[in-house]
Amino acid sequence: ATKGSSWAPAQMTPKEARDAQILLAASYGQVPCAPVQNQCFDVCWDWQNKGYCPRGDACRWAHSPMPGCEAEPEPKKVTLTVSEPIRKPKAECSLESIPEVDEAQETPVEEKPMRKLVDHASSLLSSKESNDLSIYTVSTPEELEESIRAIYEHGVDTPEDVDRVCDLLVDIRGRWPSVARSEGPPVSYTRLVLGVVKTNYDALPRALMEPARLNKCNDFAEAAAEMVYTSAKYHGNLSMIAHLYLRKHLSIRIIDTVVRELLCLDEPSKKPQLHHVEVVCQLLRTTGAVLEGVPAGLDLLERCMTRLQSAAADIRCGAVVAPTVRSLVNFREAGWMCA
């Protein structure tokens, strides 16, 4: 017999099948209810009425779940699928799709008016703000030379602005390293600045009290003012030369030439003038640290110090220049740094 159908053999009569069913149930200790015709034992009686089955898993009858003890439903399996990213179609771009720009609607760029450098060179340093050299033009070497001369003389007359003046000359060299001329090769900036420096230095009087100049003065006060003016010109020129050397506008040969002439290094028997000693001390205070790092500069510095100490030991002028020379010596011993 199969499960879910009558288990009795087909040759048994219905009455025999009922009797056999009762006897079979009794043999297993079951007390069935009143037999019903065509009753089918699909569920274990012990399991349903007693709550347990002594046959366990070997029982041929089904063990249905007890009320309140239903088996937990199996968790649903969730299958994760990775979807492809949504890709937007690329926008078609071509030269034809770019809208045309109406040139009439474009905002015009304001162009700065161009000026001649030679006409505004003297006023470039009047303001404390930086100057934009891109709005200036230089057409000929003569214009550039006149511009350099005006700026250089401003630095000579105002020693307190010597750094700003030299920085402006550095900017001019970067803007116009050379200027073309109508005929011949272009003229370099270095050649022009050397000419300006030489012209201003040669124009200085070699003595503060030249008889020809003193005779033109009406009184002693005017003569004293003339000497103060000449001394200031010396200090201004030597200060410009020193700072241009530090910015590599001038070579060490220019420093050597100036010092040789002012201290009379080639004429040991000749005494240097007092104001020459003062301006050379000023020059060496500015350039000494750089000169000491160059073999040629170190040799020049040693000869200058020997000459200056000899002038300070002189009875006639030692009392005037000795403090200046002693200050320079102490400054060098301190490593060219102020105490």
Protein backbone atom coordinates (compact mmCIF):
# COMPACT_ATOMS: atom_id res chain seq x y z
CA ALA A 1 0.00 0.00 0.00
CA THR A 2 1.15 3.51 -0.73
CA LYS A 3 1.00 6.46 1.61
CA GLY A 4 -2.22 8.46 1.20
CA SER A 5 -4.21 5.43 0.05
CA SER A 6 -5.58 2.26 1.64
CA TRP A 7 -2.74 0.13 2.94
CA ALA A 8 -4.69 -3.16 2.77
CA PRO A 9 -3.98 -5.54 -0.09
CA ALA A 10 -6.42 -5.45 -2.94
CA GLN A 11 -7.60 -9.13 -2.33
CA MET A 12 -8.93 -8.28 1.14
CA THR A 13 -12.58 -7.47 1.57
CA PRO A 14 -13.54 -4.20 3.24
CA LYS A 15 -14.51 -5.95 6.45
CA GLU A 16 -11.23 -7.88 6.54
CA ALA A 17 -9.36 -4.71 5.93
CA ARG A 18 -11.07 -2.98 8.88
CA ASP A 19 -10.38 -5.88 11.18
CA ALA A 20 -6.76 -6.05 10.12
CA GLN A 21 -6.43 -2.33 10.67
CA ILE A 22 -7.71 -2.62 14.23
CA LEU A 23 -5.45 -5.56 15.02
CA LEU A 24 -2.45 -3.75 13.55
CA ALA A 25 -3.13 -0.66 15.60
CA ALA A 26 -3.51 -2.75 18.75
CA SER A 27 -0.19 -4.43 18.16
CA TYR A 28 1.51 -1.00 18.30
CA GLY A 29 -0.30 0.01 21.45
CA GLN A 30 -2.62 2.40 19.74
CA VAL A 31 -6.24 2.73 20.70
CA PRO A 32 -7.89 3.99 17.60
CA CYS A 33 -11.18 5.64 17.51
CA ALA A 34 -14.14 3.84 16.06
CA PRO A 35 -13.09 2.62 12.71
CA VAL A 36 -14.44 4.46 9.85
CA GLN A 37 -14.90 2.89 6.54
CA ASN A 38 -12.00 3.51 4.19
CA GLN A 39 -10.04 5.27 7.04
CA CYS A 40 -6.46 6.02 6.14
CA PHE A 41 -3.69 6.46 8.73
CA ASP A 42 -1.54 9.08 6.99
CA VAL A 43 -0.52 10.72 10.30
CA CYS A 44 1.16 8.97 13.21
CA TRP A 45 -1.36 8.42 16.03
CA ASP A 46 1.21 8.60 18.80
CA TRP A 47 2.59 11.81 17.44
CA GLN A 48 -0.83 13.40 17.07
CA ASN A 49 -2.39 12.26 20.37
CA LYS A 50 0.60 11.86 22.76
CA GLY A 51 2.91 14.48 21.37
CA TYR A 52 5.75 12.03 20.74
CA CYS A 53 6.47 8.92 18.73
CA PRO A 54 8.53 6.05 20.23
CA ARG A 55 9.59 5.00 16.74
CA GLY A 56 11.21 8.33 16.01
CA ASP A 57 12.37 8.95 12.49
CA ALA A 58 11.81 5.21 11.66
CA CYS A 59 8.05 5.70 11.89
CA ARG A 60 6.26 5.04 8.64
CA TRP A 61 3.56 7.62 9.42
CA ALA A 62 3.92 11.30 8.88
CA HIS A 63 4.79 13.52 11.82
CA SER A 64 2.92 16.75 11.18
CA PRO A 65 4.11 19.90 13.01
CA MET A 66 2.58 20.43 16.43
CA PRO A 67 0.34 23.46 16.92
CA GLY A 68 2.47 26.44 17.99
CA CYS A 69 5.68 24.66 16.94
CA GLU A 70 5.51 25.22 13.29
CA ALA A 71 8.86 25.11 11.63
CA GLU A 72 10.34 28.48 10.88
CA PRO A 73 10.13 29.33 7.27
CA GLU A 74 13.41 29.21 5.46
CA PRO A 75 14.80 32.68 4.79
CA LYS A 76 14.36 33.84 1.32
CA LYS A 77 17.51 33.86 -0.68
CA VAL A 78 18.30 37.27 -2.01
CA THR A 79 20.42 37.32 -5.09
CA LEU A 80 22.33 40.54 -5.62
CA THR A 81 22.97 41.49 -9.16
CA VAL A 82 25.40 44.23 -10.14
CA SER A 83 23.81 46.42 -12.68
CA GLU A 84 25.89 48.23 -15.22
CA PRO A 85 26.31 51.98 -14.66
CA ILE A 86 24.01 54.14 -16.58
CA ARG A 87 26.00 55.77 -19.27
CA LYS A 88 24.73 58.90 -20.76
CA PRO A 89 25.33 59.33 -24.41
CA LYS A 90 28.20 61.67 -25.16
CA ALA A 91 27.17 65.00 -26.44
CA GLU A 92 28.14 65.45 -29.95
CA CYS A 93 30.61 68.27 -30.31
CA SER A 94 31.86 69.62 -33.54
CA LEU A 95 33.05 72.88 -34.91
CA GLU A 96 29.68 73.39 -36.47
CA SER A 97 27.95 73.18 -33.06
CA ILE A 98 30.07 76.00 -31.55
CA PRO A 99 28.13 79.22 -31.77
CA GLU A 100 29.79 82.01 -33.62
CA VAL A 101 30.90 84.99 -31.56
CA ASP A 102 29.90 88.33 -32.79
CA GLU A 103 33.02 90.45 -32.85
CA ALA A 104 30.95 93.58 -32.53
CA GLN A 105 29.62 92.40 -29.14
CA GLU A 106 33.05 91.58 -27.69
CA THR A 107 34.26 93.84 -24.90
CA PRO A 108 37.31 95.67 -26.20
CA VAL A 109 40.45 95.40 -24.07
CA GLU A 110 41.66 98.76 -22.95
CA GLU A 111 45.21 99.25 -24.15
CA LYS A 112 47.52 101.25 -21.96
CA PRO A 113 48.89 104.33 -23.64
CA MET A 114 52.56 103.97 -24.48
CA ARG A 115 54.99 106.60 -23.27
CA LYS A 116 58.57 107.44 -24.01
CA LEU A 117 60.90 106.47 -21.20
CA VAL A 118 63.13 109.47 -21.76
CA ASP A 119 60.22 111.86 -21.07
CA HIS A 120 59.26 110.22 -17.74
CA ALA A 121 62.60 108.91 -16.43
CA SER A 122 62.98 111.72 -13.90
CA SER A 123 59.49 111.10 -12.47
CA LEU A 124 59.70 107.30 -12.19
CA LEU A 125 61.06 107.51 -8.64
CA SER A 126 58.78 110.29 -7.45
CA SER A 127 56.17 107.79 -6.17
CA LYS A 128 56.83 105.01 -3.68
CA GLU A 129 54.89 102.50 -5.78
CA SER A 130 56.52 100.11 -8.24
CA ASN A 131 56.77 101.26 -11.85
CA ASP A 132 55.42 99.26 -14.77
CA LEU A 133 58.03 99.52 -17.52
CA SER A 134 55.78 97.77 -20.04
CA ILE A 135 54.05 101.06 -20.86
CA TYR A 136 57.31 102.77 -21.82
CA THR A 137 59.14 102.62 -25.09
CA VAL A 138 62.73 103.24 -26.14
CA SER A 139 63.44 103.86 -29.81
CA THR A 140 67.12 104.76 -29.95
CA PRO A 141 70.27 104.23 -27.84
CA GLU A 142 70.33 107.96 -27.16
CA GLU A 143 66.92 107.81 -25.52
CA LEU A 144 68.01 104.93 -23.29
CA GLU A 145 71.24 106.70 -22.35
CA GLU A 146 69.39 109.88 -21.38
CA SER A 147 66.97 107.86 -19.30
CA ILE A 148 69.81 106.08 -17.48
CA ARG A 149 71.56 109.40 -16.88
CA ALA A 150 68.46 111.00 -15.35
CA ILE A 151 67.89 108.05 -13.02
CA TYR A 152 71.58 107.81 -12.08
CA GLU A 153 71.80 111.52 -11.21
CA HIS A 154 68.68 111.18 -9.09
CA GLY A 155 70.48 108.47 -7.08
CA VAL A 156 73.56 110.71 -6.71
CA ASP A 157 71.48 113.62 -5.39
CA THR A 158 69.38 111.47 -3.04
CA PRO A 159 71.62 108.86 -1.38
CA GLU A 160 68.72 107.63 0.77
CA ASP A 161 67.02 106.31 -2.42
CA VAL A 162 70.10 104.57 -3.80
CA ASP A 163 68.59 101.09 -3.40
CA ARG A 164 65.39 102.00 -5.25
CA VAL A 165 67.37 103.73 -7.99
CA CYS A 166 69.65 100.73 -8.54
CA ASP A 167 66.69 98.33 -8.51
CA LEU A 168 65.03 100.44 -11.20
CA LEU A 169 68.19 100.28 -13.31
CA VAL A 170 68.17 96.50 -12.92
CA ASP A 171 64.59 96.43 -14.24
CA ILE A 172 65.58 98.62 -17.18
CA ARG A 173 68.42 96.27 -18.04
CA GLY A 174 66.00 93.35 -18.04
CA ARG A 175 63.55 95.28 -20.24
CA TRP A 176 66.08 96.68 -22.72
CA PRO A 177 69.34 94.66 -22.64
CA SER A 178 70.23 96.28 -25.95
CA VAL A 179 68.76 98.82 -28.33
CA ALA A 180 69.03 98.69 -32.09
CA ARG A 181 70.20 101.66 -34.07
CA SER A 182 69.68 102.66 -37.65
CA GLU A 183 73.20 101.67 -38.72
CA GLY A 184 75.59 99.21 -37.17
CA PRO A 185 75.13 96.64 -34.42
CA PRO A 186 72.81 97.27 -31.46
CA VAL A 187 74.13 99.12 -28.42
CA SER A 188 74.10 97.17 -25.17
CA TYR A 189 72.79 98.50 -21.87
CA THR A 190 76.12 97.76 -20.15
CA ARG A 191 77.98 100.04 -22.53
CA LEU A 192 75.53 102.87 -21.91
CA VAL A 193 75.59 102.60 -18.11
CA LEU A 194 79.41 102.53 -18.11
CA GLY A 195 79.41 105.74 -20.13
CA VAL A 196 77.04 107.43 -17.69
CA VAL A 197 79.10 106.37 -14.65
CA LYS A 198 82.36 107.54 -16.25
CA THR A 199 80.90 110.89 -17.29
CA ASN A 200 79.60 111.66 -13.80
CA TYR A 201 82.80 110.50 -12.10
CA ASP A 202 85.08 112.49 -14.41
CA ALA A 203 83.01 115.62 -13.77
CA LEU A 204 83.89 115.55 -10.07
CA PRO A 205 86.60 118.03 -9.01
CA ARG A 206 89.74 116.35 -7.78
CA ALA A 207 90.01 118.75 -4.85
CA LEU A 208 87.43 120.34 -2.58
CA MET A 209 89.24 123.68 -2.59
CA GLU A 210 90.40 124.32 -6.13
CA PRO A 211 91.65 127.91 -6.51
CA ALA A 212 89.72 128.49 -9.73
CA ARG A 213 86.44 127.53 -8.09
CA LEU A 214 87.12 129.32 -4.81
CA ASN A 215 87.90 132.56 -6.62
CA LYS A 216 84.40 132.60 -8.03
CA CYS A 217 82.90 132.60 -4.53
CA ASN A 218 82.01 135.99 -3.05
CA ASP A 219 82.59 135.11 0.61
CA PHE A 220 83.65 132.33 2.94
CA ALA A 221 80.09 131.03 3.45
CA GLU A 222 79.63 130.52 -0.27
CA ALA A 223 82.99 128.74 -0.49
CA ALA A 224 82.01 126.45 2.42
CA ALA A 225 78.68 125.64 0.73
CA GLU A 226 80.54 124.80 -2.47
CA MET A 227 82.81 122.38 -0.62
CA VAL A 228 79.83 120.70 1.07
CA TYR A 229 78.14 120.32 -2.33
CA THR A 230 81.28 118.77 -3.85
CA SER A 231 81.68 116.37 -0.94
CA ALA A 232 78.04 115.30 -1.30
CA LYS A 233 78.60 114.66 -5.02
CA TYR A 234 81.57 112.46 -4.18
CA HIS A 235 79.62 110.44 -1.65
CA GLY A 236 76.64 110.10 -4.01
CA ASN A 237 78.75 108.90 -6.94
CA LEU A 238 80.76 106.43 -4.88
CA SER A 239 77.56 105.08 -3.30
CA MET A 240 76.01 104.52 -6.74
CA ILE A 241 79.18 102.82 -8.00
CA ALA A 242 79.25 100.50 -4.97
CA HIS A 243 75.59 99.45 -5.26
CA LEU A 244 75.82 98.96 -9.02
CA TYR A 245 78.84 96.72 -8.45
CA LEU A 246 76.85 94.64 -5.96
CA ARG A 247 74.11 94.22 -8.61
CA LYS A 248 76.73 93.16 -11.19
CA HIS A 249 76.26 96.24 -13.33
CA LEU A 250 79.94 97.11 -12.93
CA SER A 251 83.00 94.90 -12.84
CA ILE A 252 85.73 94.81 -10.23
CA ARG A 253 88.00 96.69 -12.63
CA ILE A 254 85.86 99.82 -12.14
CA ILE A 255 86.29 99.55 -8.35
CA ASP A 256 90.04 99.01 -8.79
CA THR A 257 90.39 102.05 -11.06
CA VAL A 258 88.46 104.36 -8.72
CA VAL A 259 90.32 103.24 -5.59
CA ARG A 260 93.73 103.43 -7.25
CA GLU A 261 93.12 107.02 -8.28
CA LEU A 262 91.61 108.27 -5.01
CA LEU A 263 94.18 106.64 -2.69
CA CYS A 264 97.15 107.18 -5.02
CA LEU A 265 98.10 103.50 -4.82
CA ASP A 266 100.43 103.84 -7.81
CA GLU A 267 102.20 106.85 -6.23
CA PRO A 268 103.27 105.89 -2.68
CA SER A 269 104.99 109.23 -2.13
CA LYS A 270 101.79 111.18 -2.78
CA LYS A 271 99.38 111.76 0.09
CA PRO A 272 95.66 111.07 -0.57
CA GLN A 273 93.24 113.88 0.15
CA LEU A 274 91.07 113.71 3.24
CA HIS A 275 87.71 113.57 1.48
CA HIS A 276 89.08 110.83 -0.82
CA VAL A 277 89.92 108.73 2.23
CA GLU A 278 86.40 109.19 3.57
CA VAL A 279 84.61 108.20 0.35
CA VAL A 280 86.89 105.17 -0.12
CA CYS A 281 86.06 104.00 3.41
CA GLN A 282 82.39 104.35 2.50
CA LEU A 283 82.94 102.37 -0.70
CA LEU A 284 84.76 99.55 1.12
CA ARG A 285 82.10 99.33 3.85
CA THR A 286 79.53 98.64 1.14
CA THR A 287 81.53 96.27 -1.08
CA GLY A 288 84.07 94.78 1.36
CA ALA A 289 82.22 91.53 1.99
CA VAL A 290 81.99 90.81 -1.75
CA LEU A 291 85.54 91.92 -2.50
CA GLU A 292 86.93 89.66 0.21
CA GLY A 293 85.36 86.62 -1.48
CA VAL A 294 87.19 87.23 -4.79
CA PRO A 295 90.98 86.73 -5.14
CA ALA A 296 91.45 89.99 -7.06
CA GLY A 297 89.15 91.79 -4.65
CA LEU A 298 90.97 90.46 -1.59
CA ASP A 299 94.31 91.69 -2.94
CA LEU A 300 92.80 95.13 -3.63
CA LEU A 301 91.25 95.23 -0.18
CA GLU A 302 94.57 94.45 1.54
CA ARG A 303 96.38 97.21 -0.33
CA CYS A 304 93.60 99.68 0.46
CA MET A 305 93.65 98.85 4.18
CA THR A 306 97.41 99.29 4.30
CA ARG A 307 97.14 102.65 2.57
CA LEU A 308 94.30 103.83 4.80
CA GLN A 309 96.11 102.88 8.02
CA SER A 310 99.19 104.74 6.76
CA ALA A 311 97.06 107.85 6.14
CA ALA A 312 95.50 107.57 9.60
CA ALA A 313 98.98 107.46 11.18
CA ASP A 314 100.00 110.70 9.48
CA ILE A 315 100.42 113.55 11.98
CA ARG A 316 98.91 116.19 9.69
CA CYS A 317 95.66 114.43 8.75
CA GLY A 318 95.50 111.48 11.12
CA ALA A 319 93.26 113.28 13.62
CA VAL A 320 90.59 113.81 10.92
CA VAL A 321 90.51 110.44 9.16
CA ALA A 322 91.70 108.17 12.00
CA PRO A 323 88.17 107.61 13.43
CA THR A 324 86.79 106.71 9.98
CA VAL A 325 89.63 104.28 9.25
CA ARG A 326 89.40 102.72 12.72
CA SER A 327 85.66 102.21 12.24
CA LEU A 328 86.29 100.45 8.90
CA VAL A 329 88.90 98.15 10.49
CA ASN A 330 86.53 97.20 13.31
CA PHE A 331 83.74 96.64 10.80
CA ARG A 332 85.91 94.21 8.85
CA GLU A 333 87.01 92.35 11.98
CA ALA A 334 83.32 91.91 12.89
CA GLY A 335 82.71 90.09 9.61
CA TRP A 336 81.34 93.14 7.75
CA MET A 337 78.38 93.24 10.11
CA CYS A 338 77.26 96.00 12.42
CA ALA A 339 77.75 95.27 16.10
